[in-house]
């Protein structure tokens, strides 16, 4: 596995775990970010997916 791909996957996993932990409050943070990604399809998300699957 490529080191850059592995590091990107680890960072994404840490951020998702952090978001899931913060979602315990009154605002579901993970769902809100997911809805934003589905509606607006930001460039940073496309680049992140390309980095993850760059092998």
N, C-alpha and C. Protein backbone atom coordinates (compact mmCIF):
# COMPACT_ATOMS: atom_id res chain seq x y z
N UNK A 1 0.84 -1.18 0.00
CA UNK A 1 0.00 0.00 0.00
C UNK A 1 0.89 1.24 0.00
N UNK A 2 0.49 2.22 -0.75
CA UNK A 2 1.21 3.48 -0.85
C UNK A 2 1.16 4.22 0.48
N UNK A 3 2.26 4.82 0.91
CA UNK A 3 2.31 5.52 2.19
C UNK A 3 1.38 6.72 2.23
N UNK A 4 1.30 7.48 1.15
CA UNK A 4 0.42 8.65 1.10
C UNK A 4 -1.04 8.23 1.21
N UNK A 5 -1.40 7.15 0.53
CA UNK A 5 -2.77 6.63 0.60
C UNK A 5 -3.09 6.17 2.01
N UNK A 6 -2.16 5.46 2.63
CA UNK A 6 -2.36 4.97 3.99
C UNK A 6 -2.54 6.13 4.96
N UNK A 7 -1.71 7.16 4.85
CA UNK A 7 -1.81 8.32 5.74
C UNK A 7 -3.14 9.04 5.55
N UNK A 8 -3.60 9.17 4.31
CA UNK A 8 -4.87 9.82 4.04
C UNK A 8 -6.02 9.02 4.64
N UNK A 9 -5.96 7.70 4.53
CA UNK A 9 -7.01 6.86 5.11
C UNK A 9 -7.04 6.98 6.63
N UNK A 10 -5.87 7.02 7.25
CA UNK A 10 -5.81 7.15 8.71
C UNK A 10 -6.39 8.49 9.15
N UNK A 11 -6.03 9.57 8.43
CA UNK A 11 -6.56 10.89 8.76
C UNK A 11 -8.07 10.93 8.63
N UNK A 12 -8.60 10.34 7.57
CA UNK A 12 -10.05 10.30 7.36
C UNK A 12 -10.75 9.52 8.48
N UNK A 13 -10.15 8.40 8.86
CA UNK A 13 -10.73 7.59 9.92
C UNK A 13 -10.76 8.36 11.25
N UNK A 14 -9.68 9.06 11.56
CA UNK A 14 -9.62 9.84 12.80
C UNK A 14 -10.67 10.94 12.79
N UNK A 15 -10.80 11.64 11.67
CA UNK A 15 -11.78 12.72 11.57
C UNK A 15 -13.20 12.17 11.70
N UNK A 16 -13.49 11.03 11.06
CA UNK A 16 -14.83 10.45 11.16
C UNK A 16 -15.13 9.99 12.58
N UNK A 17 -14.16 9.43 13.28
CA UNK A 17 -14.36 9.03 14.68
C UNK A 17 -14.62 10.27 15.53
N UNK A 18 -13.89 11.34 15.28
CA UNK A 18 -14.12 12.59 16.00
C UNK A 18 -15.52 13.13 15.74
N UNK A 19 -15.95 13.13 14.48
CA UNK A 19 -17.30 13.60 14.15
C UNK A 19 -18.37 12.73 14.79
N UNK A 20 -18.17 11.41 14.82
CA UNK A 20 -19.15 10.52 15.45
C UNK A 20 -19.22 10.78 16.94
N UNK A 21 -18.09 11.10 17.55
CA UNK A 21 -18.08 11.41 18.98
C UNK A 21 -18.81 12.72 19.26
N UNK A 22 -18.59 13.72 18.41
CA UNK A 22 -19.23 15.01 18.60
C UNK A 22 -20.72 14.98 18.25
N UNK A 23 -21.16 13.99 17.51
CA UNK A 23 -22.56 13.91 17.10
C UNK A 23 -23.49 13.49 18.23
N UNK A 24 -22.94 13.20 19.38
CA UNK A 24 -23.77 12.80 20.51
C UNK A 24 -24.61 13.99 20.99
N UNK A 25 -24.16 15.20 20.73
CA UNK A 25 -24.89 16.40 21.13
C UNK A 25 -26.17 16.59 20.34
N UNK A 26 -26.76 17.77 20.43
CA UNK A 26 -28.07 18.01 19.80
C UNK A 26 -28.04 18.11 18.27
N UNK A 27 -26.87 18.36 17.67
CA UNK A 27 -26.78 18.49 16.21
C UNK A 27 -26.03 17.29 15.66
N UNK A 28 -26.66 16.51 14.78
CA UNK A 28 -25.96 15.36 14.19
C UNK A 28 -24.93 15.83 13.16
N UNK A 29 -23.70 15.96 13.58
CA UNK A 29 -22.65 16.56 12.76
C UNK A 29 -22.29 15.70 11.54
N UNK A 30 -22.16 14.40 11.72
CA UNK A 30 -21.78 13.52 10.62
C UNK A 30 -22.84 13.53 9.52
N UNK A 31 -24.10 13.46 9.89
CA UNK A 31 -25.18 13.48 8.91
C UNK A 31 -25.25 14.82 8.18
N UNK A 32 -25.01 15.90 8.90
CA UNK A 32 -25.04 17.22 8.29
C UNK A 32 -23.92 17.38 7.26
N UNK A 33 -22.73 16.93 7.58
CA UNK A 33 -21.61 17.00 6.64
C UNK A 33 -21.88 16.09 5.44
N UNK A 34 -22.42 14.90 5.68
CA UNK A 34 -22.76 14.00 4.59
C UNK A 34 -23.80 14.60 3.66
N UNK A 35 -24.79 15.27 4.20
CA UNK A 35 -25.81 15.93 3.39
C UNK A 35 -25.19 17.06 2.57
N UNK A 36 -24.29 17.82 3.17
CA UNK A 36 -23.58 18.89 2.44
C UNK A 36 -22.80 18.32 1.26
N UNK A 37 -22.11 17.20 1.49
CA UNK A 37 -21.31 16.58 0.42
C UNK A 37 -22.21 16.09 -0.71
N UNK A 38 -23.35 15.50 -0.36
CA UNK A 38 -24.25 14.98 -1.38
C UNK A 38 -24.87 16.11 -2.20
N UNK A 39 -25.24 17.20 -1.56
CA UNK A 39 -25.92 18.29 -2.26
C UNK A 39 -24.95 19.13 -3.09
N UNK A 40 -23.83 19.54 -2.50
CA UNK A 40 -22.95 20.51 -3.17
C UNK A 40 -21.74 19.90 -3.88
N UNK A 41 -21.42 18.64 -3.61
CA UNK A 41 -20.28 17.95 -4.22
C UNK A 41 -19.03 18.85 -4.28
N UNK A 42 -18.47 19.19 -3.12
CA UNK A 42 -17.31 20.10 -3.09
C UNK A 42 -16.06 19.48 -3.70
N UNK A 43 -15.19 20.34 -4.21
CA UNK A 43 -13.95 19.89 -4.86
C UNK A 43 -13.04 19.16 -3.88
N UNK A 44 -12.97 19.61 -2.62
CA UNK A 44 -12.08 18.99 -1.65
C UNK A 44 -12.46 17.53 -1.42
N UNK A 45 -13.73 17.19 -1.52
CA UNK A 45 -14.15 15.81 -1.32
C UNK A 45 -13.69 14.93 -2.49
N UNK A 46 -13.82 15.44 -3.71
CA UNK A 46 -13.37 14.70 -4.89
C UNK A 46 -11.86 14.46 -4.82
N UNK A 47 -11.11 15.48 -4.43
CA UNK A 47 -9.65 15.33 -4.31
C UNK A 47 -9.28 14.34 -3.21
N UNK A 48 -10.05 14.35 -2.12
CA UNK A 48 -9.80 13.40 -1.03
C UNK A 48 -10.04 11.97 -1.49
N UNK A 49 -11.11 11.73 -2.22
CA UNK A 49 -11.39 10.39 -2.73
C UNK A 49 -10.31 9.96 -3.72
N UNK A 50 -9.86 10.87 -4.56
CA UNK A 50 -8.78 10.53 -5.49
C UNK A 50 -7.49 10.16 -4.76
N UNK A 51 -7.19 10.86 -3.65
CA UNK A 51 -5.99 10.53 -2.88
C UNK A 51 -6.12 9.18 -2.20
N UNK A 52 -7.32 8.85 -1.71
CA UNK A 52 -7.53 7.58 -1.03
C UNK A 52 -7.38 6.41 -2.00
N UNK A 53 -7.92 6.55 -3.21
CA UNK A 53 -7.90 5.45 -4.18
C UNK A 53 -6.85 5.65 -5.26
N UNK A 54 -5.76 6.29 -4.95
CA UNK A 54 -4.76 6.62 -5.95
C UNK A 54 -3.90 5.44 -6.38
N UNK A 55 -4.00 4.32 -5.73
CA UNK A 55 -3.15 3.17 -6.08
C UNK A 55 -3.48 2.63 -7.42
